[in-house]
């Protein structure tokens, strides 16, 4: 299978039933919350199983200070491709949550799985308190910023300066994570800052 076809299948949108939401920011009187879309690690694992089989991918973790580094390897056309990313421990189920988030970040940043969810519109829905946190009264629905989605499908933002002139931000990210961090902090173009922030989120 051609690499472009493999990447297309990896990056396909998930079914609505696989998408979940958690409460992000809340308004001042705690009656509405911003819906942050995500998928569980098992949805990503199912996709990898379906595309590569149970013996076509592997994952390992390295504990670091207050977090974990995930190494995700996928066998593509008889060649193992490995990507890494990390995440801190979480407040709830700190170890399990940190490992899960590191896995999801690596799948997204390294292979584009679920990355389109970063294009979700910032939408607010009614919430209620449950325990120490908040939950949605009605289940949110995912809506994407289609302008940003179209731009991504056209290979994203192309840099016209510096040592990576002519490359997209995603291509640069694959080659040099630190340069994306540098652009996030130093770039004057707000679209570049926004795109860099999504890549390293």
C-alpha atoms as a PDB file:
ATOM      1  CA  UNK A   1       0.000   0.000   0.000  1.00  0.00           C
ATOM      2  CA  UNK A   2       1.288   3.464  -0.876  1.00  0.00           C
ATOM      3  CA  UNK A   3       2.354   5.631   2.064  1.00  0.00           C
ATOM      4  CA  UNK A   4      -0.162   8.335   1.095  1.00  0.00           C
ATOM      5  CA  UNK A   5      -2.986   5.799   1.218  1.00  0.00           C
ATOM      6  CA  UNK A   6      -1.783   4.505   4.588  1.00  0.00           C
ATOM      7  CA  UNK A   7      -1.629   8.013   6.041  1.00  0.00           C
ATOM      8  CA  UNK A   8      -5.086   8.774   4.660  1.00  0.00           C
ATOM      9  CA  UNK A   9      -6.523   5.727   6.416  1.00  0.00           C
ATOM     10  CA  UNK A  10      -4.719   6.567   9.655  1.00  0.00           C
ATOM     11  CA  UNK A  11      -6.075  10.114   9.623  1.00  0.00           C
ATOM     12  CA  UNK A  12      -9.681   9.328   8.716  1.00  0.00           C
ATOM     13  CA  UNK A  13     -12.279  10.853  11.058  1.00  0.00           C
ATOM     14  CA  UNK A  14     -13.590   8.611  13.801  1.00  0.00           C
ATOM     15  CA  UNK A  15     -17.204   7.521  14.082  1.00  0.00           C
ATOM     16  CA  UNK A  16     -19.402   9.838  16.152  1.00  0.00           C
ATOM     17  CA  UNK A  17     -19.840   7.033  18.689  1.00  0.00           C
ATOM     18  CA  UNK A  18     -16.067   6.980  19.286  1.00  0.00           C
ATOM     19  CA  UNK A  19     -15.775  10.708  20.020  1.00  0.00           C
ATOM     20  CA  UNK A  20     -16.124  11.846  23.626  1.00  0.00           C
ATOM     21  CA  UNK A  21     -16.105  15.253  25.273  1.00  0.00           C
ATOM     22  CA  UNK A  22     -14.773  16.682  28.501  1.00  0.00           C
ATOM     23  CA  UNK A  23     -15.435  20.041  30.083  1.00  0.00           C
ATOM     24  CA  UNK A  24     -12.696  22.589  29.473  1.00  0.00           C
ATOM     25  CA  UNK A  25     -13.142  26.181  30.540  1.00  0.00           C
ATOM     26  CA  UNK A  26     -16.353  27.169  32.361  1.00  0.00           C
ATOM     27  CA  UNK A  27     -18.250  30.448  32.455  1.00  0.00           C
ATOM     28  CA  UNK A  28     -18.345  32.613  35.573  1.00  0.00           C
ATOM     29  CA  UNK A  29     -21.487  31.067  37.065  1.00  0.00           C
ATOM     30  CA  UNK A  30     -20.501  27.502  36.165  1.00  0.00           C
ATOM     31  CA  UNK A  31     -23.587  26.875  34.049  1.00  0.00           C
ATOM     32  CA  UNK A  32     -21.794  26.319  30.732  1.00  0.00           C
ATOM     33  CA  UNK A  33     -18.526  24.682  29.737  1.00  0.00           C
ATOM     34  CA  UNK A  34     -16.411  24.473  26.621  1.00  0.00           C
ATOM     35  CA  UNK A  35     -16.561  21.047  25.012  1.00  0.00           C
ATOM     36  CA  UNK A  36     -13.153  19.497  24.280  1.00  0.00           C
ATOM     37  CA  UNK A  37     -13.389  16.568  21.861  1.00  0.00           C
ATOM     38  CA  UNK A  38     -11.168  13.502  22.163  1.00  0.00           C
ATOM     39  CA  UNK A  39     -11.084   9.763  21.531  1.00  0.00           C
ATOM     40  CA  UNK A  40     -10.135   7.061  23.985  1.00  0.00           C
ATOM     41  CA  UNK A  41      -6.865   5.201  23.516  1.00  0.00           C
ATOM     42  CA  UNK A  42      -8.804   2.033  22.669  1.00  0.00           C
ATOM     43  CA  UNK A  43     -10.293   3.688  19.562  1.00  0.00           C
ATOM     44  CA  UNK A  44      -6.770   4.392  18.299  1.00  0.00           C
ATOM     45  CA  UNK A  45      -5.675   0.865  19.207  1.00  0.00           C
ATOM     46  CA  UNK A  46      -8.607  -0.576  17.243  1.00  0.00           C
ATOM     47  CA  UNK A  47      -7.633   1.479  14.199  1.00  0.00           C
ATOM     48  CA  UNK A  48      -4.040   0.276  14.389  1.00  0.00           C
ATOM     49  CA  UNK A  49      -5.206  -3.345  14.772  1.00  0.00           C
ATOM     50  CA  UNK A  50      -7.514  -3.028  11.765  1.00  0.00           C
ATOM     51  CA  UNK A  51      -4.873  -1.450   9.533  1.00  0.00           C
ATOM     52  CA  UNK A  52      -1.725  -3.316  10.575  1.00  0.00           C
ATOM     53  CA  UNK A  53      -2.825  -6.332  12.613  1.00  0.00           C
ATOM     54  CA  UNK A  54      -1.876  -7.017  16.199  1.00  0.00           C
ATOM     55  CA  UNK A  55       1.717  -7.787  15.163  1.00  0.00           C
ATOM     56  CA  UNK A  56       2.097  -4.716  12.934  1.00  0.00           C
ATOM     57  CA  UNK A  57       2.481  -2.121  15.643  1.00  0.00           C
ATOM     58  CA  UNK A  58       3.939  -1.845  19.133  1.00  0.00           C
ATOM     59  CA  UNK A  59       4.165   0.679  21.921  1.00  0.00           C
ATOM     60  CA  UNK A  60       6.522   1.280  24.841  1.00  0.00           C
ATOM     61  CA  UNK A  61       6.792   3.895  27.580  1.00  0.00           C
ATOM     62  CA  UNK A  62       9.575   5.609  29.468  1.00  0.00           C
ATOM     63  CA  UNK A  63       8.902   7.322  32.764  1.00  0.00           C
ATOM     64  CA  UNK A  64      10.302  10.827  33.120  1.00  0.00           C
ATOM     65  CA  UNK A  65       9.909  13.474  35.811  1.00  0.00           C
ATOM     66  CA  UNK A  66       6.154  13.852  36.392  1.00  0.00           C
ATOM     67  CA  UNK A  67       5.218  12.145  33.149  1.00  0.00           C
ATOM     68  CA  UNK A  68       5.830   9.592  30.403  1.00  0.00           C
ATOM     69  CA  UNK A  69       7.373   9.382  26.944  1.00  0.00           C
ATOM     70  CA  UNK A  70       5.536   7.077  24.532  1.00  0.00           C
ATOM     71  CA  UNK A  71       7.282   5.354  21.606  1.00  0.00           C
ATOM     72  CA  UNK A  72       4.795   4.151  18.997  1.00  0.00           C
ATOM     73  CA  UNK A  73       6.121   1.928  16.206  1.00  0.00           C
ATOM     74  CA  UNK A  74       4.156   0.956  13.102  1.00  0.00           C
ATOM     75  CA  UNK A  75       5.283  -1.500  10.446  1.00  0.00           C
ATOM     76  CA  UNK A  76       4.710   0.228   7.115  1.00  0.00           C
ATOM     77  CA  UNK A  77       5.636  -1.738   3.994  1.00  0.00           C
ATOM     78  CA  UNK A  78       7.986  -3.987   5.997  1.00  0.00           C
ATOM     79  CA  UNK A  79       9.748  -1.021   7.592  1.00  0.00           C
ATOM     80  CA  UNK A  80       9.269  -0.016  11.215  1.00  0.00           C
ATOM     81  CA  UNK A  81       8.533   3.683  11.712  1.00  0.00           C
ATOM     82  CA  UNK A  82       8.738   5.015  15.275  1.00  0.00           C
ATOM     83  CA  UNK A  83       7.460   8.308  16.679  1.00  0.00           C
ATOM     84  CA  UNK A  84       7.689   9.691  20.200  1.00  0.00           C
ATOM     85  CA  UNK A  85       5.847  12.226  22.305  1.00  0.00           C
ATOM     86  CA  UNK A  86       5.070  12.693  25.968  1.00  0.00           C
ATOM     87  CA  UNK A  87       2.514  13.803  28.516  1.00  0.00           C
ATOM     88  CA  UNK A  88       2.475  14.627  32.229  1.00  0.00           C
ATOM     89  CA  UNK A  89       0.693  12.551  34.837  1.00  0.00           C
ATOM     90  CA  UNK A  90      -2.954  13.478  35.339  1.00  0.00           C
ATOM     91  CA  UNK A  91      -4.886  14.478  38.446  1.00  0.00           C
ATOM     92  CA  UNK A  92      -7.202  11.450  38.168  1.00  0.00           C
ATOM     93  CA  UNK A  93      -5.524   8.027  37.880  1.00  0.00           C
ATOM     94  CA  UNK A  94      -2.206   9.820  37.446  1.00  0.00           C
ATOM     95  CA  UNK A  95      -0.121   6.963  36.013  1.00  0.00           C
ATOM     96  CA  UNK A  96      -2.812   5.443  33.796  1.00  0.00           C
ATOM     97  CA  UNK A  97      -3.908   8.886  32.620  1.00  0.00           C
ATOM     98  CA  UNK A  98      -0.365   9.994  31.849  1.00  0.00           C
ATOM     99  CA  UNK A  99       0.376   6.840  29.845  1.00  0.00           C
ATOM    100  CA  UNK A 100      -2.889   7.107  27.927  1.00  0.00           C
ATOM    101  CA  UNK A 101      -2.344  10.787  27.091  1.00  0.00           C
ATOM    102  CA  UNK A 102       1.236  10.127  25.974  1.00  0.00           C
ATOM    103  CA  UNK A 103      -0.018   7.392  23.643  1.00  0.00           C
ATOM    104  CA  UNK A 104      -2.743   9.606  22.185  1.00  0.00           C
ATOM    105  CA  UNK A 105      -0.343  12.515  21.690  1.00  0.00           C
ATOM    106  CA  UNK A 106       2.145  10.305  19.894  1.00  0.00           C
ATOM    107  CA  UNK A 107      -0.549   8.873  17.634  1.00  0.00           C
ATOM    108  CA  UNK A 108      -1.698  12.409  16.806  1.00  0.00           C
ATOM    109  CA  UNK A 109       1.621  14.235  16.476  1.00  0.00           C
ATOM    110  CA  UNK A 110       3.512  11.366  14.874  1.00  0.00           C
ATOM    111  CA  UNK A 111       0.938   9.782  12.584  1.00  0.00           C
ATOM    112  CA  UNK A 112      -1.922  12.283  12.439  1.00  0.00           C
ATOM    113  CA  UNK A 113      -4.484   9.998  14.099  1.00  0.00           C
ATOM    114  CA  UNK A 114      -7.308  12.184  15.409  1.00  0.00           C
ATOM    115  CA  UNK A 115      -5.368  15.376  14.719  1.00  0.00           C
ATOM    116  CA  UNK A 116      -8.404  16.852  12.948  1.00  0.00           C
ATOM    117  CA  UNK A 117     -10.088  17.143  16.359  1.00  0.00           C
ATOM    118  CA  UNK A 118      -7.874  20.166  17.035  1.00  0.00           C
ATOM    119  CA  UNK A 119      -9.994  21.921  14.395  1.00  0.00           C
ATOM    120  CA  UNK A 120     -13.150  21.575  16.498  1.00  0.00           C
ATOM    121  CA  UNK A 121     -15.118  24.771  17.009  1.00  0.00           C
ATOM    122  CA  UNK A 122     -15.054  26.276  20.481  1.00  0.00           C
ATOM    123  CA  UNK A 123     -18.592  25.506  21.575  1.00  0.00           C
ATOM    124  CA  UNK A 124     -20.258  25.928  24.962  1.00  0.00           C
ATOM    125  CA  UNK A 125     -22.878  23.596  26.437  1.00  0.00           C
ATOM    126  CA  UNK A 126     -24.871  23.459  29.708  1.00  0.00           C
ATOM    127  CA  UNK A 127     -23.063  21.683  32.549  1.00  0.00           C
ATOM    128  CA  UNK A 128     -23.730  20.483  36.074  1.00  0.00           C
ATOM    129  CA  UNK A 129     -21.418  19.660  38.939  1.00  0.00           C
ATOM    130  CA  UNK A 130     -20.600  16.017  39.522  1.00  0.00           C
ATOM    131  CA  UNK A 131     -18.244  15.261  42.374  1.00  0.00           C
ATOM    132  CA  UNK A 132     -15.314  17.670  42.208  1.00  0.00           C
ATOM    133  CA  UNK A 133     -15.769  18.310  38.487  1.00  0.00           C
ATOM    134  CA  UNK A 134     -18.400  19.098  35.883  1.00  0.00           C
ATOM    135  CA  UNK A 135     -20.219  17.084  33.226  1.00  0.00           C
ATOM    136  CA  UNK A 136     -22.404  18.075  30.301  1.00  0.00           C
ATOM    137  CA  UNK A 137     -26.143  17.953  30.769  1.00  0.00           C
ATOM    138  CA  UNK A 138     -26.614  17.061  27.107  1.00  0.00           C
ATOM    139  CA  UNK A 139     -23.998  15.359  24.930  1.00  0.00           C
ATOM    140  CA  UNK A 140     -22.139  17.877  22.721  1.00  0.00           C
ATOM    141  CA  UNK A 141     -21.844  17.412  18.971  1.00  0.00           C
ATOM    142  CA  UNK A 142     -18.611  17.864  17.074  1.00  0.00           C
ATOM    143  CA  UNK A 143     -18.396  20.730  14.606  1.00  0.00           C
ATOM    144  CA  UNK A 144     -15.226  21.561  12.713  1.00  0.00           C
ATOM    145  CA  UNK A 145     -13.819  24.834  11.477  1.00  0.00           C
ATOM    146  CA  UNK A 146     -14.061  23.868   7.833  1.00  0.00           C
ATOM    147  CA  UNK A 147     -11.791  26.675   6.655  1.00  0.00           C
ATOM    148  CA  UNK A 148      -8.950  25.329   8.792  1.00  0.00           C
ATOM    149  CA  UNK A 149      -9.780  21.772   7.746  1.00  0.00           C
ATOM    150  CA  UNK A 150      -9.530  22.692   4.050  1.00  0.00           C
ATOM    151  CA  UNK A 151      -6.219  24.437   4.669  1.00  0.00           C
ATOM    152  CA  UNK A 152      -4.878  21.339   6.375  1.00  0.00           C
ATOM    153  CA  UNK A 153      -5.933  19.172   3.434  1.00  0.00           C
ATOM    154  CA  UNK A 154      -3.939  21.462   1.185  1.00  0.00           C
ATOM    155  CA  UNK A 155      -0.818  20.490   3.163  1.00  0.00           C
ATOM    156  CA  UNK A 156      -1.185  23.257   5.729  1.00  0.00           C
ATOM    157  CA  UNK A 157       0.899  26.383   6.138  1.00  0.00           C
ATOM    158  CA  UNK A 158       4.067  26.585   4.043  1.00  0.00           C
ATOM    159  CA  UNK A 159       7.001  28.497   5.549  1.00  0.00           C
ATOM    160  CA  UNK A 160       8.555  31.035   3.172  1.00  0.00           C
ATOM    161  CA  UNK A 161      11.593  31.891   5.282  1.00  0.00           C
ATOM    162  CA  UNK A 162      14.444  30.347   7.243  1.00  0.00           C
ATOM    163  CA  UNK A 163      16.212  27.016   6.935  1.00  0.00           C
ATOM    164  CA  UNK A 164      12.958  25.133   6.261  1.00  0.00           C
ATOM    165  CA  UNK A 165      11.679  27.460   3.560  1.00  0.00           C
ATOM    166  CA  UNK A 166       9.164  25.717   1.283  1.00  0.00           C
ATOM    167  CA  UNK A 167       8.174  23.079   3.848  1.00  0.00           C
ATOM    168  CA  UNK A 168       4.832  22.795   5.657  1.00  0.00           C
ATOM    169  CA  UNK A 169       4.659  23.076   9.437  1.00  0.00           C
ATOM    170  CA  UNK A 170       3.752  19.390   9.678  1.00  0.00           C
ATOM    171  CA  UNK A 171       6.780  18.420   7.590  1.00  0.00           C
ATOM    172  CA  UNK A 172       8.983  20.573   9.800  1.00  0.00           C
ATOM    173  CA  UNK A 173       7.443  19.028  12.931  1.00  0.00           C
ATOM    174  CA  UNK A 174       8.374  15.545  11.706  1.00  0.00           C
ATOM    175  CA  UNK A 175      11.956  16.717  11.174  1.00  0.00           C
ATOM    176  CA  UNK A 176      12.583  19.201  13.983  1.00  0.00           C
ATOM    177  CA  UNK A 177      10.192  19.509  16.959  1.00  0.00           C
ATOM    178  CA  UNK A 178      12.289  22.250  18.527  1.00  0.00           C
ATOM    179  CA  UNK A 179      11.905  24.525  15.514  1.00  0.00           C
ATOM    180  CA  UNK A 180       8.115  24.325  15.816  1.00  0.00           C
ATOM    181  CA  UNK A 181       8.444  25.306  19.483  1.00  0.00           C
ATOM    182  CA  UNK A 182      10.671  28.179  18.405  1.00  0.00           C
ATOM    183  CA  UNK A 183       8.100  29.381  15.848  1.00  0.00           C
ATOM    184  CA  UNK A 184       5.331  29.148  18.435  1.00  0.00           C
ATOM    185  CA  UNK A 185       7.234  31.541  20.700  1.00  0.00           C
ATOM    186  CA  UNK A 186       8.874  33.831  18.132  1.00  0.00           C
ATOM    187  CA  UNK A 187       6.671  33.983  15.022  1.00  0.00           C
ATOM    188  CA  UNK A 188       4.748  37.184  14.359  1.00  0.00           C
ATOM    189  CA  UNK A 189       2.109  35.523  12.164  1.00  0.00           C
ATOM    190  CA  UNK A 190      -0.825  34.529  14.388  1.00  0.00           C
ATOM    191  CA  UNK A 191      -1.843  31.704  12.018  1.00  0.00           C
ATOM    192  CA  UNK A 192       1.622  30.159  12.316  1.00  0.00           C
ATOM    193  CA  UNK A 193       1.526  30.493  16.120  1.00  0.00           C
ATOM    194  CA  UNK A 194      -1.911  28.887  16.220  1.00  0.00           C
ATOM    195  CA  UNK A 195      -0.866  26.000  13.947  1.00  0.00           C
ATOM    196  CA  UNK A 196       2.335  25.391  15.933  1.00  0.00           C
ATOM    197  CA  UNK A 197       0.373  25.361  19.172  1.00  0.00           C
ATOM    198  CA  UNK A 198      -1.915  22.651  17.792  1.00  0.00           C
ATOM    199  CA  UNK A 199       1.006  20.545  16.605  1.00  0.00           C
ATOM    200  CA  UNK A 200       2.719  20.450  19.983  1.00  0.00           C
ATOM    201  CA  UNK A 201      -0.450  20.385  22.138  1.00  0.00           C
END
